[in-house]
Amino acid sequence: MRQWLDELQSNITSECRRTRGQEELDSRRALECVRPFTVVHDRCIMVESKTTGNWGDMKKFCQQQGGKMVKVDTDNFMYHLVRFLHDNGLNVKNYWVGGSDEGSEGVFFWDDGTRVKMGTPFWGDGTGDQIQEPDGGATQNCIIMYKDDHYFFFDLPCHDSHGVICERM
């Protein structure tokens, strides 16, 4: 019985330390993530809905804010990001993100050179045609999170004008 109690106490102590460590990490991350950026699922992001521009201009905009265009590379982050947009009344625009297939038609890359994941759950299914994005060919090379399809990815012409989601590293 004594051994069982010692193990239980050890497990509780370990869990408390782990939880406290995570809280300290979250607290440090929150301190590093200053306005206009905010923490969304362990990332420091800024949603710019007032200023709009083409993909290149908005990439520069993010850099001027001390960040880069967001990399939406996990389904968990995408879920929390879309939820953040809805919860904060920001679900009124399309937003550029940091992926394109310029220079590699049909193969999308994030700004850091890693490949964009294709298919579900990231890409939308088109506007009524039931063909999953990307479907724009050589004229649509930049990725947006498309408000009319639950913020799934769409490829659009890079010269279109949209808001942007930036990420501070």
N, C-alpha and C. Protein backbone atom coordinates (compact mmCIF):
# COMPACT_ATOMS: atom_id res chain seq x y z
N MET A 1 0.83 -1.19 0.00
CA MET A 1 0.00 0.00 0.00
C MET A 1 0.87 1.25 0.00
N ARG A 2 1.92 1.24 0.80
CA ARG A 2 2.81 2.40 0.90
C ARG A 2 3.47 2.68 -0.46
N GLN A 3 3.87 1.62 -1.15
CA GLN A 3 4.50 1.79 -2.46
C GLN A 3 3.51 2.43 -3.44
N TRP A 4 2.27 1.98 -3.40
CA TRP A 4 1.24 2.53 -4.28
C TRP A 4 1.04 4.02 -4.01
N LEU A 5 0.98 4.40 -2.73
CA LEU A 5 0.82 5.81 -2.37
C LEU A 5 2.02 6.64 -2.82
N ASP A 6 3.22 6.09 -2.67
CA ASP A 6 4.42 6.80 -3.11
C ASP A 6 4.39 7.02 -4.63
N GLU A 7 3.98 5.99 -5.38
CA GLU A 7 3.88 6.11 -6.83
C GLU A 7 2.82 7.14 -7.22
N LEU A 8 1.70 7.11 -6.54
CA LEU A 8 0.63 8.07 -6.81
C LEU A 8 1.11 9.49 -6.56
N GLN A 9 1.77 9.71 -5.44
CA GLN A 9 2.28 11.04 -5.12
C GLN A 9 3.32 11.47 -6.15
N SER A 10 4.17 10.56 -6.56
CA SER A 10 5.18 10.86 -7.56
C SER A 10 4.53 11.26 -8.89
N ASN A 11 3.48 10.51 -9.28
CA ASN A 11 2.77 10.83 -10.53
C ASN A 11 2.09 12.19 -10.45
N ILE A 12 1.48 12.48 -9.32
CA ILE A 12 0.81 13.78 -9.14
C ILE A 12 1.84 14.90 -9.18
N THR A 13 2.95 14.71 -8.51
CA THR A 13 4.01 15.72 -8.50
C THR A 13 4.55 15.95 -9.91
N SER A 14 4.76 14.87 -10.66
CA SER A 14 5.26 14.99 -12.04
C SER A 14 4.26 15.74 -12.91
N GLU A 15 2.98 15.41 -12.76
CA GLU A 15 1.94 16.07 -13.56
C GLU A 15 1.87 17.55 -13.22
N CYS A 16 1.99 17.89 -11.94
CA CYS A 16 1.97 19.30 -11.53
C CYS A 16 3.15 20.05 -12.13
N ARG A 17 4.33 19.43 -12.11
CA ARG A 17 5.51 20.07 -12.70
C ARG A 17 5.33 20.26 -14.20
N ARG A 18 4.79 19.22 -14.88
CA ARG A 18 4.58 19.31 -16.32
C ARG A 18 3.58 20.42 -16.63
N THR A 19 2.49 20.48 -15.89
CA THR A 19 1.47 21.51 -16.10
C THR A 19 2.05 22.89 -15.83
N ARG A 20 2.79 23.02 -14.73
CA ARG A 20 3.41 24.30 -14.40
C ARG A 20 4.40 24.71 -15.48
N GLY A 21 5.16 23.73 -15.99
CA GLY A 21 6.11 24.01 -17.06
C GLY A 21 5.42 24.49 -18.32
N GLN A 22 4.29 23.87 -18.66
CA GLN A 22 3.53 24.29 -19.84
C GLN A 22 2.95 25.68 -19.64
N GLU A 23 2.45 25.96 -18.43
CA GLU A 23 1.92 27.29 -18.13
C GLU A 23 3.02 28.35 -18.25
N GLU A 24 4.21 28.02 -17.77
CA GLU A 24 5.32 28.96 -17.87
C GLU A 24 5.71 29.19 -19.32
N LEU A 25 5.71 28.10 -20.12
CA LEU A 25 6.01 28.22 -21.54
C LEU A 25 4.96 29.08 -22.23
N ASP A 26 3.68 28.83 -21.95
CA ASP A 26 2.60 29.63 -22.53
C ASP A 26 2.73 31.09 -22.12
N SER A 27 3.09 31.32 -20.86
CA SER A 27 3.25 32.68 -20.36
C SER A 27 4.40 33.39 -21.08
N ARG A 28 5.53 32.70 -21.25
CA ARG A 28 6.66 33.29 -21.98
C ARG A 28 6.28 33.59 -23.42
N ARG A 29 5.57 32.65 -24.06
CA ARG A 29 5.15 32.84 -25.44
C ARG A 29 4.22 34.04 -25.54
N ALA A 30 3.31 34.19 -24.59
CA ALA A 30 2.38 35.32 -24.59
C ALA A 30 3.14 36.63 -24.42
N LEU A 31 4.19 36.64 -23.59
CA LEU A 31 4.98 37.85 -23.40
C LEU A 31 5.71 38.22 -24.68
N GLU A 32 6.18 37.22 -25.43
CA GLU A 32 6.89 37.46 -26.68
C GLU A 32 5.94 37.89 -27.80
N CYS A 33 4.69 37.56 -27.67
CA CYS A 33 3.70 37.84 -28.70
C CYS A 33 2.96 39.12 -28.32
N VAL A 34 3.47 40.24 -28.80
CA VAL A 34 2.91 41.54 -28.43
C VAL A 34 2.06 42.10 -29.57
N ARG A 35 1.14 42.98 -29.21
CA ARG A 35 0.26 43.60 -30.19
C ARG A 35 1.06 44.19 -31.34
N PRO A 36 0.56 44.07 -32.52
CA PRO A 36 -0.77 43.63 -32.93
C PRO A 36 -0.90 42.11 -33.08
N PHE A 37 0.12 41.35 -32.68
CA PHE A 37 0.07 39.89 -32.76
C PHE A 37 -0.63 39.33 -31.52
N THR A 38 -1.17 38.13 -31.67
CA THR A 38 -1.82 37.45 -30.56
C THR A 38 -1.57 35.95 -30.67
N VAL A 39 -1.61 35.25 -29.55
CA VAL A 39 -1.36 33.81 -29.54
C VAL A 39 -2.62 33.07 -29.99
N VAL A 40 -2.44 32.23 -30.99
CA VAL A 40 -3.49 31.32 -31.45
C VAL A 40 -2.85 29.94 -31.56
N HIS A 41 -3.27 29.04 -30.69
CA HIS A 41 -2.78 27.65 -30.70
C HIS A 41 -1.26 27.57 -30.86
N ASP A 42 -0.56 28.13 -29.96
CA ASP A 42 0.90 28.12 -29.85
C ASP A 42 1.63 28.88 -30.95
N ARG A 43 0.91 29.68 -31.71
CA ARG A 43 1.53 30.52 -32.73
C ARG A 43 1.21 31.97 -32.43
N CYS A 44 2.07 32.84 -32.86
CA CYS A 44 1.90 34.28 -32.67
C CYS A 44 1.45 34.86 -34.01
N ILE A 45 0.18 35.22 -34.12
CA ILE A 45 -0.36 35.65 -35.41
C ILE A 45 -0.99 37.03 -35.34
N MET A 46 -1.14 37.61 -36.52
CA MET A 46 -1.85 38.88 -36.68
C MET A 46 -2.74 38.74 -37.91
N VAL A 47 -4.00 39.06 -37.75
CA VAL A 47 -4.94 39.03 -38.87
C VAL A 47 -5.16 40.47 -39.32
N GLU A 48 -4.81 40.75 -40.56
CA GLU A 48 -5.00 42.10 -41.10
C GLU A 48 -6.17 42.09 -42.07
N SER A 49 -7.28 42.67 -41.62
CA SER A 49 -8.47 42.69 -42.47
C SER A 49 -8.74 44.08 -43.06
N LYS A 50 -8.14 45.10 -42.49
CA LYS A 50 -8.39 46.46 -42.99
C LYS A 50 -7.53 46.79 -44.21
N THR A 51 -6.26 46.46 -44.14
CA THR A 51 -5.35 46.67 -45.26
C THR A 51 -5.44 45.47 -46.18
N THR A 52 -5.61 45.71 -47.47
CA THR A 52 -5.64 44.63 -48.45
C THR A 52 -4.63 44.93 -49.54
N GLY A 53 -4.23 43.89 -50.23
CA GLY A 53 -3.30 44.06 -51.33
C GLY A 53 -3.03 42.73 -52.01
N ASN A 54 -2.19 42.78 -53.03
CA ASN A 54 -1.84 41.54 -53.71
C ASN A 54 -0.90 40.72 -52.83
N TRP A 55 -0.64 39.50 -53.24
CA TRP A 55 0.13 38.57 -52.41
C TRP A 55 1.52 39.13 -52.08
N GLY A 56 2.20 39.67 -53.07
CA GLY A 56 3.54 40.21 -52.84
C GLY A 56 3.54 41.41 -51.89
N ASP A 57 2.58 42.31 -52.08
CA ASP A 57 2.49 43.48 -51.19
C ASP A 57 2.17 43.06 -49.76
N MET A 58 1.32 42.07 -49.61
CA MET A 58 0.95 41.64 -48.26
C MET A 58 2.08 40.85 -47.60
N LYS A 59 2.89 40.20 -48.40
CA LYS A 59 4.09 39.54 -47.86
C LYS A 59 5.02 40.60 -47.28
N LYS A 60 5.20 41.70 -48.01
CA LYS A 60 6.02 42.81 -47.52
C LYS A 60 5.39 43.44 -46.27
N PHE A 61 4.07 43.55 -46.26
CA PHE A 61 3.36 44.09 -45.11
C PHE A 61 3.70 43.27 -43.85
N CYS A 62 3.64 41.95 -43.96
CA CYS A 62 3.96 41.09 -42.81
C CYS A 62 5.40 41.32 -42.36
N GLN A 63 6.31 41.43 -43.31
CA GLN A 63 7.72 41.66 -42.97
C GLN A 63 7.89 42.99 -42.25
N GLN A 64 7.15 44.01 -42.68
CA GLN A 64 7.22 45.32 -42.02
C GLN A 64 6.69 45.26 -40.59
N GLN A 65 5.83 44.29 -40.31
CA GLN A 65 5.29 44.11 -38.96
C GLN A 65 6.19 43.22 -38.10
N GLY A 66 7.29 42.76 -38.67
CA GLY A 66 8.21 41.89 -37.94
C GLY A 66 7.83 40.42 -38.03
N GLY A 67 7.11 40.06 -39.08
CA GLY A 67 6.69 38.67 -39.23
C GLY A 67 6.82 38.19 -40.65
N LYS A 68 6.06 37.18 -40.96
CA LYS A 68 5.97 36.62 -42.30
C LYS A 68 4.55 36.15 -42.50
N MET A 69 4.20 35.82 -43.73
CA MET A 69 2.86 35.27 -43.97
C MET A 69 2.75 33.94 -43.23
N VAL A 70 1.58 33.67 -42.69
CA VAL A 70 1.38 32.49 -41.85
C VAL A 70 1.55 31.20 -42.66
N LYS A 71 2.07 30.21 -41.97
CA LYS A 71 2.20 28.85 -42.51
C LYS A 71 1.18 27.98 -41.77
N VAL A 72 0.15 27.57 -42.47
CA VAL A 72 -0.92 26.76 -41.87
C VAL A 72 -0.62 25.31 -42.24
N ASP A 73 0.16 24.65 -41.41
CA ASP A 73 0.69 23.34 -41.78
C ASP A 73 0.18 22.17 -40.96
N THR A 74 -0.72 22.43 -40.01
CA THR A 74 -1.34 21.32 -39.28
C THR A 74 -2.84 21.55 -39.21
N ASP A 75 -3.57 20.45 -39.16
CA ASP A 75 -5.03 20.58 -39.08
C ASP A 75 -5.45 21.21 -37.75
N ASN A 76 -4.72 20.93 -36.67
CA ASN A 76 -5.07 21.54 -35.38
C ASN A 76 -4.91 23.06 -35.42
N PHE A 77 -3.81 23.52 -35.98
CA PHE A 77 -3.61 24.97 -36.08
C PHE A 77 -4.68 25.58 -36.97
N MET A 78 -4.99 24.93 -38.08
CA MET A 78 -6.01 25.46 -38.98
C MET A 78 -7.36 25.58 -38.25
N TYR A 79 -7.72 24.56 -37.50
CA TYR A 79 -8.97 24.59 -36.75
C TYR A 79 -9.00 25.79 -35.80
N HIS A 80 -7.93 25.96 -35.02
CA HIS A 80 -7.90 27.05 -34.04
C HIS A 80 -7.84 28.42 -34.72
N LEU A 81 -7.17 28.50 -35.85
CA LEU A 81 -7.10 29.76 -36.58
C LEU A 81 -8.48 30.15 -37.12
N VAL A 82 -9.17 29.21 -37.73
CA VAL A 82 -10.51 29.49 -38.25
C VAL A 82 -11.46 29.84 -37.11
N ARG A 83 -11.34 29.14 -36.02
CA ARG A 83 -12.17 29.45 -34.85
C ARG A 83 -11.88 30.86 -34.35
N PHE A 84 -10.60 31.24 -34.32
CA PHE A 84 -10.21 32.59 -33.91
C PHE A 84 -10.84 33.64 -34.84
N LEU A 85 -10.82 33.38 -36.14
CA LEU A 85 -11.44 34.32 -37.09
C LEU A 85 -12.92 34.51 -36.76
N HIS A 86 -13.62 33.42 -36.55
CA HIS A 86 -15.06 33.49 -36.24
C HIS A 86 -15.31 34.15 -34.89
N ASP A 87 -14.57 33.74 -33.88
CA ASP A 87 -14.79 34.26 -32.52
C ASP A 87 -14.51 35.75 -32.40
N ASN A 88 -13.69 36.28 -33.30
CA ASN A 88 -13.29 37.69 -33.21
C ASN A 88 -13.87 38.56 -34.33
N GLY A 89 -14.89 38.04 -35.01
CA GLY A 89 -15.55 38.83 -36.05
C GLY A 89 -14.68 39.13 -37.25
N LEU A 90 -13.67 38.30 -37.48
CA LEU A 90 -12.75 38.52 -38.59
C LEU A 90 -13.07 37.63 -39.79
N ASN A 91 -14.21 36.98 -39.74
CA ASN A 91 -14.60 36.04 -40.79
C ASN A 91 -15.39 36.74 -41.89
N VAL A 92 -14.87 37.88 -42.33
CA VAL A 92 -15.55 38.67 -43.35
C VAL A 92 -14.72 38.85 -44.62
N LYS A 93 -13.51 38.34 -44.62
CA LYS A 93 -12.61 38.51 -45.76
C LYS A 93 -11.90 37.21 -46.08
N ASN A 94 -11.34 37.17 -47.28
CA ASN A 94 -10.37 36.14 -47.64
C ASN A 94 -9.01 36.63 -47.16
N TYR A 95 -8.14 35.70 -46.82
CA TYR A 95 -6.81 36.08 -46.32
C TYR A 95 -5.71 35.32 -47.05
N TRP A 96 -4.71 36.08 -47.49
CA TRP A 96 -3.51 35.46 -48.04
C TRP A 96 -2.77 34.72 -46.93
N VAL A 97 -2.18 33.59 -47.29
CA VAL A 97 -1.25 32.87 -46.43
C VAL A 97 0.04 32.66 -47.22
N GLY A 98 1.06 32.15 -46.57
CA GLY A 98 2.40 32.15 -47.16
C GLY A 98 2.76 31.02 -48.09
N GLY A 99 1.84 30.56 -48.91
CA GLY A 99 2.15 29.49 -49.84
C GLY A 99 1.83 29.86 -51.28
N SER A 100 2.64 29.33 -52.19
CA SER A 100 2.38 29.54 -53.62
C SER A 100 3.05 28.43 -54.43
N ASP A 101 2.68 28.39 -55.70
CA ASP A 101 3.35 27.46 -56.61
C ASP A 101 4.04 28.22 -57.75
N GLU A 102 4.34 29.49 -57.52
CA GLU A 102 5.08 30.25 -58.52
C GLU A 102 6.47 29.62 -58.69
N GLY A 103 6.81 29.35 -59.92
CA GLY A 103 8.11 28.74 -60.20
C GLY A 103 8.10 27.22 -60.12
N SER A 104 6.98 26.64 -59.72
CA SER A 104 6.89 25.17 -59.62
C SER A 104 5.44 24.75 -59.83
N GLU A 105 4.90 25.08 -60.97
CA GLU A 105 3.47 24.91 -61.24
C GLU A 105 2.93 23.57 -60.74
N GLY A 106 1.89 23.70 -59.89
CA GLY A 106 1.21 22.52 -59.37
C GLY A 106 1.80 21.97 -58.08
N VAL A 107 2.98 22.45 -57.70
CA VAL A 107 3.60 22.01 -56.44
C VAL A 107 3.73 23.25 -55.56
N PHE A 108 2.93 23.30 -54.51
CA PHE A 108 2.88 24.47 -53.64
C PHE A 108 3.88 24.35 -52.51
N PHE A 109 4.55 25.48 -52.23
CA PHE A 109 5.54 25.53 -51.16
C PHE A 109 5.22 26.70 -50.24
N TRP A 110 5.53 26.52 -48.96
CA TRP A 110 5.49 27.62 -48.00
C TRP A 110 6.74 28.46 -48.21
N ASP A 111 6.73 29.66 -47.67
CA ASP A 111 7.87 30.56 -47.82
C ASP A 111 9.17 29.96 -47.30
N ASP A 112 9.09 29.04 -46.34
CA ASP A 112 10.31 28.44 -45.79
C ASP A 112 10.82 27.27 -46.63
N GLY A 113 10.16 26.99 -47.76
CA GLY A 113 10.61 25.94 -48.66
C GLY A 113 9.98 24.58 -48.44
N THR A 114 9.18 24.42 -47.39
CA THR A 114 8.51 23.14 -47.16
C THR A 114 7.25 23.06 -48.03
N ARG A 115 6.89 21.84 -48.39
CA ARG A 115 5.73 21.64 -49.26
C ARG A 115 4.43 21.85 -48.50
N VAL A 116 3.49 22.46 -49.18
CA VAL A 116 2.13 22.61 -48.65
C VAL A 116 1.44 21.26 -48.78
N LYS A 117 0.79 20.84 -47.70
CA LYS A 117 0.04 19.58 -47.75
C LYS A 117 -1.16 19.75 -48.68
N MET A 118 -1.42 18.72 -49.44
CA MET A 118 -2.51 18.77 -50.42
C MET A 118 -3.71 17.99 -49.90
N GLY A 119 -4.87 18.28 -50.48
CA GLY A 119 -6.08 17.53 -50.16
C GLY A 119 -6.73 17.96 -48.86
N THR A 120 -7.61 17.10 -48.40
CA THR A 120 -8.35 17.31 -47.17
C THR A 120 -7.41 17.13 -45.99
N PRO A 121 -7.47 17.92 -44.96
CA PRO A 121 -8.49 18.90 -44.60
C PRO A 121 -8.12 20.33 -44.94
N PHE A 122 -7.16 20.56 -45.81
CA PHE A 122 -6.68 21.91 -46.05
C PHE A 122 -7.36 22.61 -47.23
N TRP A 123 -7.55 21.91 -48.32
CA TRP A 123 -8.01 22.53 -49.56
C TRP A 123 -9.52 22.41 -49.72
N GLY A 124 -10.12 23.48 -50.25
CA GLY A 124 -11.56 23.51 -50.49
C GLY A 124 -11.95 22.68 -51.69
N ASP A 125 -13.26 22.63 -51.95
CA ASP A 125 -13.75 21.79 -53.04
C ASP A 125 -14.29 22.60 -54.21
N GLY A 126 -13.82 23.79 -54.37
CA GLY A 126 -14.27 24.60 -55.49
C GLY A 126 -15.59 25.27 -55.20
N THR A 127 -15.99 26.11 -56.10
CA THR A 127 -17.23 26.86 -55.92
C THR A 127 -18.33 26.24 -56.76
N GLY A 128 -18.89 25.16 -56.26
CA GLY A 128 -20.00 24.51 -56.93
C GLY A 128 -19.61 23.44 -57.92
N ASP A 129 -18.32 23.36 -58.27
CA ASP A 129 -17.93 22.37 -59.27
C ASP A 129 -17.50 21.04 -58.66
N GLN A 130 -17.41 20.99 -57.34
CA GLN A 130 -17.03 19.77 -56.61
C GLN A 130 -15.66 19.23 -57.01
N ILE A 131 -14.80 20.10 -57.52
CA ILE A 131 -13.42 19.73 -57.84
C ILE A 131 -12.54 20.34 -56.76
N GLN A 132 -11.77 19.49 -56.10
CA GLN A 132 -10.96 20.00 -55.00
C GLN A 132 -9.85 20.91 -55.51
N GLU A 133 -9.66 21.98 -54.78
CA GLU A 133 -8.58 22.90 -55.06
C GLU A 133 -7.24 22.19 -54.80
N PRO A 134 -6.16 22.67 -55.36
CA PRO A 134 -6.04 23.80 -56.28
C PRO A 134 -6.44 23.39 -57.70
N ASP A 135 -7.09 24.31 -58.38
CA ASP A 135 -7.53 23.99 -59.74
C ASP A 135 -7.32 25.14 -60.71
N GLY A 136 -6.47 26.08 -60.34
CA GLY A 136 -6.32 27.29 -61.14
C GLY A 136 -5.28 27.26 -62.23
N GLY A 137 -4.48 26.22 -62.30
CA GLY A 137 -3.46 26.17 -63.34
C GLY A 137 -2.44 27.28 -63.19
N ALA A 138 -1.86 27.66 -64.30
CA ALA A 138 -0.74 28.62 -64.29
C ALA A 138 -1.16 30.04 -63.95
N THR A 139 -2.45 30.34 -63.93
CA THR A 139 -2.89 31.71 -63.65
C THR A 139 -3.24 31.94 -62.19
N GLN A 140 -3.32 30.88 -61.40
CA GLN A 140 -3.68 31.01 -59.98
C GLN A 140 -2.59 30.33 -59.16
N ASN A 141 -1.70 31.14 -58.60
CA ASN A 141 -0.50 30.59 -57.98
C ASN A 141 -0.35 30.87 -56.49
N CYS A 142 -1.23 31.65 -55.90
CA CYS A 142 -1.07 32.02 -54.50
C CYS A 142 -2.26 31.53 -53.67
N ILE A 143 -1.98 31.17 -52.43
CA ILE A 143 -3.00 30.54 -51.58
C ILE A 143 -3.70 31.58 -50.70
N ILE A 144 -5.02 31.49 -50.69
CA ILE A 144 -5.83 32.24 -49.73
C ILE A 144 -6.59 31.25 -48.86
N MET A 145 -7.01 31.73 -47.70
CA MET A 145 -8.02 31.04 -46.91
C MET A 145 -9.34 31.70 -47.32
N TYR A 146 -10.20 30.91 -47.95
CA TYR A 146 -11.39 31.41 -48.65
C TYR A 146 -12.62 31.39 -47.75
N LYS A 147 -13.13 32.57 -47.44
CA LYS A 147 -14.23 32.69 -46.47
C LYS A 147 -15.50 31.97 -46.91
N ASP A 148 -15.78 31.92 -48.20
CA ASP A 148 -17.02 31.30 -48.68
C ASP A 148 -16.97 29.78 -48.68
N ASP A 149 -15.82 29.21 -48.35
CA ASP A 149 -15.71 27.75 -48.23
C ASP A 149 -15.03 27.40 -46.91
N HIS A 150 -15.52 28.00 -45.84
CA HIS A 150 -15.10 27.68 -44.47
C HIS A 150 -13.61 27.90 -44.23
N TYR A 151 -13.02 28.78 -44.99
CA TYR A 151 -11.59 29.13 -44.88
C TYR A 151 -10.65 28.00 -45.27
N PHE A 152 -11.13 27.10 -46.14
CA PHE A 152 -10.22 26.14 -46.75
C PHE A 152 -9.36 26.88 -47.77
N PHE A 153 -8.24 26.28 -48.16
CA PHE A 153 -7.33 26.90 -49.11
C PHE A 153 -7.93 26.91 -50.52
N PHE A 154 -7.65 28.00 -51.23
CA PHE A 154 -7.93 28.13 -52.65
C PHE A 154 -6.71 28.75 -53.29
N ASP A 155 -6.45 28.40 -54.54
CA ASP A 155 -5.40 29.10 -55.28
C ASP A 155 -6.07 30.16 -56.14
N LEU A 156 -5.54 31.37 -56.05
CA LEU A 156 -6.08 32.50 -56.80
C LEU A 156 -4.94 33.26 -57.45
N PRO A 157 -5.27 34.13 -58.41
CA PRO A 157 -4.22 34.97 -59.00
C PRO A 157 -3.54 35.81 -57.92
N CYS A 158 -2.24 35.87 -57.96
CA CYS A 158 -1.46 36.59 -56.94
C CYS A 158 -1.71 38.09 -56.97
N HIS A 159 -2.26 38.60 -58.07
CA HIS A 159 -2.51 40.05 -58.17
C HIS A 159 -3.85 40.45 -57.56
N ASP A 160 -4.68 39.48 -57.15
CA ASP A 160 -5.94 39.82 -56.48
C ASP A 160 -5.65 40.55 -55.17
N SER A 161 -6.64 41.22 -54.64
CA SER A 161 -6.47 42.00 -53.41
C SER A 161 -7.24 41.35 -52.26
N HIS A 162 -6.51 41.00 -51.18
CA HIS A 162 -7.11 40.37 -50.01
C HIS A 162 -6.38 40.83 -48.76
N GLY A 163 -6.95 40.49 -47.61
CA GLY A 163 -6.26 40.69 -46.34
C GLY A 163 -5.16 39.65 -46.21
N VAL A 164 -4.52 39.62 -45.04
CA VAL A 164 -3.42 38.67 -44.84
C VAL A 164 -3.39 38.22 -43.39
N ILE A 165 -2.87 37.04 -43.17
CA ILE A 165 -2.59 36.57 -41.82
C ILE A 165 -1.08 36.43 -41.72
N CYS A 166 -0.51 37.17 -40.77
CA CYS A 166 0.93 37.16 -40.55
C CYS A 166 1.26 36.33 -39.32
N GLU A 167 2.49 35.89 -39.26
CA GLU A 167 2.96 35.09 -38.13
C GLU A 167 4.32 35.62 -37.70
N ARG A 168 4.48 35.79 -36.41
CA ARG A 168 5.78 36.19 -35.87
C ARG A 168 6.47 34.93 -35.38
N MET A 169 7.70 34.80 -35.76
CA MET A 169 8.46 33.60 -35.38
C MET A 169 9.17 33.77 -34.07
